[in-house]
Amino acid sequence: MKAYAKINLGLQIIRKREDGYHDIETVLHPVNLFDTIEFEHENRGIVIESSGPSLPLDRTNLCWQAADALRREANVSRGVRICIDKKIPIGAGLGGGSSDAGLVLRELPKFWEMTVSDERLHQLAACLGSDVPYFLRAGTARATGRGESLEYFDFSLPYWVVIVFPNIHISTKWVYEQFKPNEQLKHLNLRQLLIEHVSEPRVWVNKLRNDFEGIVFRAHEAVMRMKEALYVAGADFAQMSGSGSAVYGLFRNERYAREIAETIGANHPVFITEPNFKPNR
């Protein structure tokens, strides 16, 4: 099964809440980069295997936590071996761990021949992480609250998407700790901005912002240089995804997209998504 990554099309931090979390607004959009996950029968409880050397295989793994949440939900002691072929970089702002966990919540009930309502799955997902609920469904969604309040809408990107991972792992917790609100910034309706100007990405350049970019760019100049390189190569729009460190560029011109992917790909992981991509599960 395929657990697809996402990019953030804009990311606004609205306010810090009394519970310590932040209210945000962002649009999450799928890209053609995915981890592959298999389930196998296992008698020794929940076992995680992964091709990613830095991925934890114990109870700190989100897939383990997702399987355990389902097991406790049904009050059963079933086991499963979850095999993860890891392709989505860790600490990149592409939602790899959340996507894997969302897939487990969505598909493991079928493997175990149990039924969990969509509402309950969403609740379990929100307990695992703010991004996890998004990965219970395919498509594009406006995310608000901590990121768990989702409004899906029909949207396609008519551009080649080039994602670059600068081999820098960013802690989402660290980025939020560094964030200081700028009350002068206006909060825009991202869904409306994307839909109305999908053929005018220059409008996005001026208005569609990621509030974490300044923090990450100051700490890791290489991330800022990657974004600049995408614009120099002909990107119509470029931005850091989520809390970083991956950056993406949107290209009308396939040749420009493939040329920069080949150039940067000599030293960094690069992934290309074709225009109007829709996930195929």
Protein backbone atom coordinates (compact mmCIF):
# COMPACT_ATOMS: atom_id res chain seq x y z
CA MET A 1 0.00 0.00 0.00
CA LYS A 2 1.18 3.52 -0.76
CA ALA A 3 1.45 6.23 1.91
CA TYR A 4 1.80 9.48 -0.04
CA ALA A 5 3.68 12.59 1.08
CA LYS A 6 2.19 16.09 1.08
CA ILE A 7 3.35 19.61 0.52
CA ASN A 8 1.98 22.71 2.23
CA LEU A 9 0.63 25.37 -0.10
CA GLY A 10 1.04 28.26 2.31
CA LEU A 11 1.26 28.01 6.10
CA GLN A 12 -0.05 30.75 8.39
CA ILE A 13 0.33 30.67 12.17
CA ILE A 14 -2.78 32.39 13.52
CA ARG A 15 -2.22 32.40 17.29
CA LYS A 16 -0.81 30.46 20.24
CA ARG A 17 -3.52 28.70 22.21
CA GLU A 18 -3.92 28.31 25.96
CA ASP A 19 -3.14 24.60 25.67
CA GLY A 20 0.31 25.41 24.25
CA TYR A 21 -0.55 24.46 20.66
CA HIS A 22 -0.91 26.94 17.79
CA ASP A 23 -3.89 27.60 15.55
CA ILE A 24 -2.79 27.46 11.93
CA GLU A 25 -4.18 27.66 8.43
CA THR A 26 -2.59 25.71 5.60
CA VAL A 27 -3.52 23.77 2.49
CA LEU A 28 -2.24 20.20 2.27
CA HIS A 29 -1.75 18.74 -1.19
CA PRO A 30 -0.56 15.22 -2.17
CA VAL A 31 2.54 14.60 -4.28
CA ASN A 32 3.85 11.53 -6.08
CA LEU A 33 6.31 10.48 -3.38
CA PHE A 34 5.35 7.62 -1.11
CA ASP A 35 6.41 5.02 1.42
CA THR A 36 5.25 1.47 0.72
CA ILE A 37 3.73 -0.46 3.62
CA GLU A 38 2.88 -4.15 3.96
CA PHE A 39 1.04 -6.00 6.72
CA GLU A 40 1.94 -9.57 7.71
CA HIS A 41 0.46 -11.86 10.34
CA GLU A 42 2.45 -11.82 13.57
CA ASN A 43 1.94 -13.68 16.85
CA ARG A 44 4.28 -11.56 18.96
CA GLY A 45 2.25 -8.38 19.08
CA ILE A 46 3.12 -5.31 16.99
CA VAL A 47 6.44 -5.54 15.11
CA ILE A 48 7.87 -2.76 12.93
CA GLU A 49 10.40 -3.36 10.14
CA SER A 50 11.79 -0.56 7.97
CA SER A 51 14.29 0.07 5.20
CA GLY A 52 14.99 3.50 6.75
CA PRO A 53 18.00 3.18 9.07
CA SER A 54 17.06 6.18 11.23
CA LEU A 55 13.41 5.20 11.69
CA PRO A 56 12.57 4.03 15.24
CA LEU A 57 11.15 0.52 15.40
CA ASP A 58 9.84 0.66 18.97
CA ARG A 59 6.79 2.20 20.63
CA THR A 60 7.89 5.69 19.58
CA ASN A 61 7.12 4.80 15.94
CA LEU A 62 3.81 6.37 14.84
CA CYS A 63 2.79 3.20 12.98
CA TRP A 64 3.27 1.19 16.18
CA GLN A 65 1.16 3.74 18.05
CA ALA A 66 -1.55 3.65 15.37
CA ALA A 67 -1.75 -0.16 15.48
CA ASP A 68 -1.80 -0.12 19.28
CA ALA A 69 -4.60 2.48 19.29
CA LEU A 70 -6.69 0.23 17.04
CA ARG A 71 -5.95 -2.79 19.20
CA ARG A 72 -7.05 -0.96 22.33
CA GLU A 73 -10.09 0.44 20.51
CA ALA A 74 -11.31 -3.09 19.73
CA ASN A 75 -10.05 -4.54 23.03
CA VAL A 76 -8.15 -7.30 21.24
CA SER A 77 -4.63 -8.68 21.50
CA ARG A 78 -3.99 -9.23 17.81
CA GLY A 79 -0.56 -8.80 16.31
CA VAL A 80 0.78 -7.48 13.03
CA ARG A 81 4.14 -7.05 11.36
CA ILE A 82 4.29 -3.66 9.62
CA CYS A 83 6.97 -3.48 6.93
CA ILE A 84 7.84 0.06 5.79
CA ASP A 85 9.83 0.73 2.64
CA LYS A 86 10.88 4.29 3.46
CA LYS A 87 11.20 6.80 0.60
CA ILE A 88 9.83 10.01 2.19
CA PRO A 89 12.70 11.80 3.97
CA ILE A 90 12.42 12.15 7.74
CA GLY A 91 12.34 15.67 9.20
CA ALA A 92 11.54 17.22 5.83
CA GLY A 93 8.08 18.72 6.37
CA LEU A 94 6.53 16.23 3.93
CA GLY A 95 4.41 14.32 6.45
CA GLY A 96 6.06 10.93 6.01
CA GLY A 97 5.50 9.59 9.53
CA SER A 98 1.97 11.00 9.66
CA SER A 99 1.13 9.48 6.27
CA ASP A 100 2.36 6.06 7.37
CA ALA A 101 0.30 6.25 10.56
CA GLY A 102 -2.77 7.40 8.66
CA LEU A 103 -2.47 4.44 6.31
CA VAL A 104 -2.24 2.04 9.27
CA LEU A 105 -5.37 3.53 10.83
CA ARG A 106 -7.21 3.36 7.50
CA GLU A 107 -6.16 -0.11 6.33
CA LEU A 108 -5.30 -2.22 9.37
CA PRO A 109 -8.95 -2.62 10.46
CA LYS A 110 -9.59 -4.45 7.16
CA PHE A 111 -6.58 -6.70 7.76
CA TRP A 112 -7.84 -7.48 11.26
CA GLU A 113 -11.44 -7.80 10.00
CA MET A 114 -12.75 -5.15 12.37
CA THR A 115 -14.84 -2.01 11.82
CA VAL A 116 -14.05 1.47 13.12
CA SER A 117 -16.23 4.46 12.23
CA ASP A 118 -14.73 7.34 10.26
CA GLU A 119 -15.43 9.69 13.16
CA ARG A 120 -13.56 7.45 15.60
CA LEU A 121 -10.63 7.02 13.19
CA HIS A 122 -10.36 10.81 12.98
CA GLN A 123 -10.28 11.04 16.78
CA LEU A 124 -7.57 8.39 17.03
CA ALA A 125 -5.58 10.10 14.27
CA ALA A 126 -5.76 13.51 15.99
CA CYS A 127 -4.34 11.95 19.16
CA LEU A 128 -1.32 10.71 17.21
CA GLY A 129 -0.43 14.01 15.54
CA SER A 130 -1.91 17.13 13.97
CA ASP A 131 -1.17 16.00 10.39
CA VAL A 132 -2.36 12.41 10.76
CA PRO A 133 -6.12 13.01 10.19
CA TYR A 134 -5.39 14.45 6.73
CA PHE A 135 -3.91 11.15 5.58
CA LEU A 136 -7.10 9.20 6.28
CA ARG A 137 -8.39 10.46 2.92
CA ALA A 138 -6.93 11.34 -0.46
CA GLY A 139 -7.08 14.83 -1.90
CA THR A 140 -6.43 18.47 -1.11
CA ALA A 141 -7.60 19.98 2.16
CA ARG A 142 -7.61 23.29 3.99
CA ALA A 143 -6.41 22.55 7.52
CA THR A 144 -7.19 24.76 10.51
CA GLY A 145 -7.08 24.45 14.29
CA ARG A 146 -3.94 22.47 15.15
CA GLY A 147 -4.19 21.11 11.61
CA GLU A 148 -6.74 18.44 12.45
CA SER A 149 -9.82 20.40 11.28
CA LEU A 150 -10.06 19.60 7.58
CA GLU A 151 -12.05 20.98 4.67
CA TYR A 152 -11.40 18.94 1.50
CA PHE A 153 -11.93 20.64 -1.84
CA ASP A 154 -11.40 19.84 -5.49
CA PHE A 155 -8.06 21.24 -6.60
CA SER A 156 -5.36 20.30 -9.11
CA LEU A 157 -1.89 21.75 -9.59
CA PRO A 158 -1.25 22.20 -13.33
CA TYR A 159 2.50 22.36 -12.69
CA TRP A 160 5.49 20.05 -12.43
CA VAL A 161 6.40 19.86 -8.74
CA VAL A 162 10.10 19.51 -7.95
CA ILE A 163 10.80 18.69 -4.29
CA VAL A 164 14.34 19.04 -2.94
CA PHE A 165 15.48 17.69 0.44
CA PRO A 166 18.65 19.53 1.58
CA ASN A 167 19.65 16.64 3.90
CA ILE A 168 18.81 18.76 6.95
CA HIS A 169 16.43 17.35 9.56
CA ILE A 170 14.19 19.99 11.15
CA SER A 171 12.30 19.46 14.42
CA THR A 172 8.73 20.74 14.17
CA LYS A 173 8.74 21.28 17.94
CA TRP A 174 11.86 23.46 17.66
CA VAL A 175 10.34 25.60 14.89
CA TYR A 176 7.19 26.29 16.90
CA GLU A 177 9.32 27.20 19.94
CA GLN A 178 11.21 29.77 17.85
CA PHE A 179 8.11 31.34 16.31
CA LYS A 180 7.24 34.92 17.28
CA PRO A 181 3.98 36.30 15.87
CA ASN A 182 3.96 39.36 13.62
CA GLU A 183 0.66 41.13 14.24
CA GLN A 184 1.16 43.28 11.12
CA LEU A 185 0.75 40.28 8.82
CA LYS A 186 -2.73 39.74 7.42
CA HIS A 187 -4.15 36.23 7.45
CA LEU A 188 -5.45 35.32 4.00
CA ASN A 189 -8.03 32.78 2.85
CA LEU A 190 -5.61 30.25 1.36
CA ARG A 191 -8.23 28.13 -0.36
CA GLN A 192 -9.63 31.18 -2.17
CA LEU A 193 -6.14 32.45 -3.03
CA LEU A 194 -5.15 29.11 -4.55
CA ILE A 195 -8.32 28.55 -6.55
CA GLU A 196 -8.62 32.10 -7.90
CA HIS A 197 -4.99 32.39 -8.99
CA VAL A 198 -4.06 28.83 -9.95
CA SER A 199 -3.01 30.08 -13.40
CA GLU A 200 -1.26 33.14 -11.96
CA PRO A 201 1.46 31.78 -9.64
CA ARG A 202 3.14 35.20 -9.51
CA VAL A 203 0.25 36.27 -7.27
CA TRP A 204 1.19 33.40 -4.97
CA VAL A 205 4.80 34.61 -4.89
CA ASN A 206 3.63 37.89 -3.36
CA LYS A 207 0.88 36.58 -1.08
CA LEU A 208 1.22 32.86 -0.33
CA ARG A 209 3.65 32.62 2.57
CA ASN A 210 5.04 30.03 4.96
CA ASP A 211 5.47 31.67 8.36
CA PHE A 212 8.24 29.20 9.31
CA GLU A 213 10.56 30.10 6.45
CA GLY A 214 12.31 32.99 8.20
CA ILE A 215 13.11 30.84 11.25
CA VAL A 216 14.52 27.97 9.22
CA PHE A 217 16.37 30.20 6.74
CA ARG A 218 18.18 32.02 9.57
CA ALA A 219 19.28 28.75 11.13
CA HIS A 220 19.99 26.87 7.89
CA GLU A 221 21.06 29.11 5.03
CA ALA A 222 21.29 26.07 2.72
CA VAL A 223 17.50 25.76 2.77
CA MET A 224 17.09 29.36 1.63
CA ARG A 225 19.69 28.76 -1.10
CA MET A 226 17.69 25.78 -2.37
CA LYS A 227 14.59 27.92 -2.72
CA GLU A 228 16.59 30.57 -4.56
CA ALA A 229 18.06 27.91 -6.88
CA LEU A 230 14.56 26.78 -7.87
CA TYR A 231 13.59 30.32 -8.85
CA VAL A 232 16.82 30.80 -10.80
CA ALA A 233 16.06 27.54 -12.65
CA GLY A 234 12.71 28.89 -13.80
CA ALA A 235 10.21 27.96 -11.09
CA ASP A 236 6.97 29.93 -11.24
CA PHE A 237 6.58 29.53 -7.48
CA ALA A 238 8.79 28.04 -4.74
CA GLN A 239 8.31 27.55 -1.02
CA MET A 240 9.44 25.50 1.95
CA SER A 241 6.99 22.72 2.87
CA GLY A 242 5.65 22.69 6.41
CA SER A 243 8.36 23.16 9.03
CA GLY A 244 11.04 22.17 6.50
CA SER A 245 13.59 21.44 5.42
CA ALA A 246 12.24 20.28 2.03
CA VAL A 247 11.51 23.00 -0.50
CA TYR A 248 9.48 22.66 -3.67
CA GLY A 249 9.21 24.53 -6.94
CA LEU A 250 6.26 24.65 -9.33
CA PHE A 251 7.22 24.67 -13.01
CA ARG A 252 5.09 25.17 -16.11
CA ASN A 253 8.06 24.05 -18.21
CA GLU A 254 8.88 20.34 -17.96
CA ARG A 255 12.38 20.81 -19.36
CA TYR A 256 13.27 23.38 -16.70
CA ALA A 257 11.88 21.08 -14.01
CA ARG A 258 13.87 18.07 -15.17
CA GLU A 259 17.07 20.05 -15.70
CA ILE A 260 17.12 21.46 -12.16
CA ALA A 261 16.13 18.08 -10.75
CA GLU A 262 19.10 16.49 -12.50
CA THR A 263 21.48 19.26 -11.41
CA ILE A 264 20.48 19.31 -7.73
CA GLY A 265 19.94 15.55 -7.69
CA ALA A 266 23.67 15.01 -7.97
CA ASN A 267 24.00 16.02 -4.30
CA HIS A 268 20.53 15.95 -2.76
CA PRO A 269 17.40 13.79 -2.91
CA VAL A 270 15.00 15.21 -5.50
CA PHE A 271 11.47 14.07 -6.35
CA ILE A 272 9.26 15.07 -9.29
CA THR A 273 5.46 15.04 -9.45
CA GLU A 274 3.67 15.40 -12.76
CA PRO A 275 0.96 18.08 -13.32
CA ASN A 276 -2.57 17.40 -12.04
CA PHE A 277 -1.40 14.44 -9.98
CA LYS A 278 -4.00 12.39 -8.09
CA PRO A 279 -2.97 9.62 -5.63
CA ASN A 280 -3.63 6.02 -6.69
CA ARG A 281 -4.12 3.77 -3.71
